[in-house]
Amino acid sequence: VRPRMSGYSSVSMVEEKAALGIQKLLQAEHEAAEVVAKAKAEKVSKLKQAKEEADAEIAAYKQQREGQFAIFSKERTGDSGTHKTATDALTVKELDSIAKQVAANKSTMVEMLLKSVTTVG
């Protein structure tokens, strides 16, 4: 009767060892899954941070280039209000000069025109 009991007890020990082994494997698998999940979360966090840094760098570069363009544009085109004022003043000056020339030469031109009309050639 005793040999049978020892046979049963050894089977029971094997089953316990197998159950412990399976338990350890399940625990190791769970820990590995946690490590993988943590690594994925860190990767997503780093990618998000890199994107934010890139966006900030792009915005700063864009602002710098827009400032440079504004300076370039102002140098090339000048202040349009100042340019218009200068052009208007020059136009008035030239029109006054033409009016003075017409007034000074009006009588001479009228005489020349009358001579050319009245002279039969």
Foldseek 3Di string as FASTA:
>chain_A
DVVVVVVVVVVVVVVVVVVVVVVVVVVVVVVVVVVVVVVVVVVVVVVVVVVVVVVVVVVVVVVVVVVVVVVVVCVVPPDVVVVVVVVVVVVVVVVVVVVVVCVVCVVVVVVVVVCVVPDDD
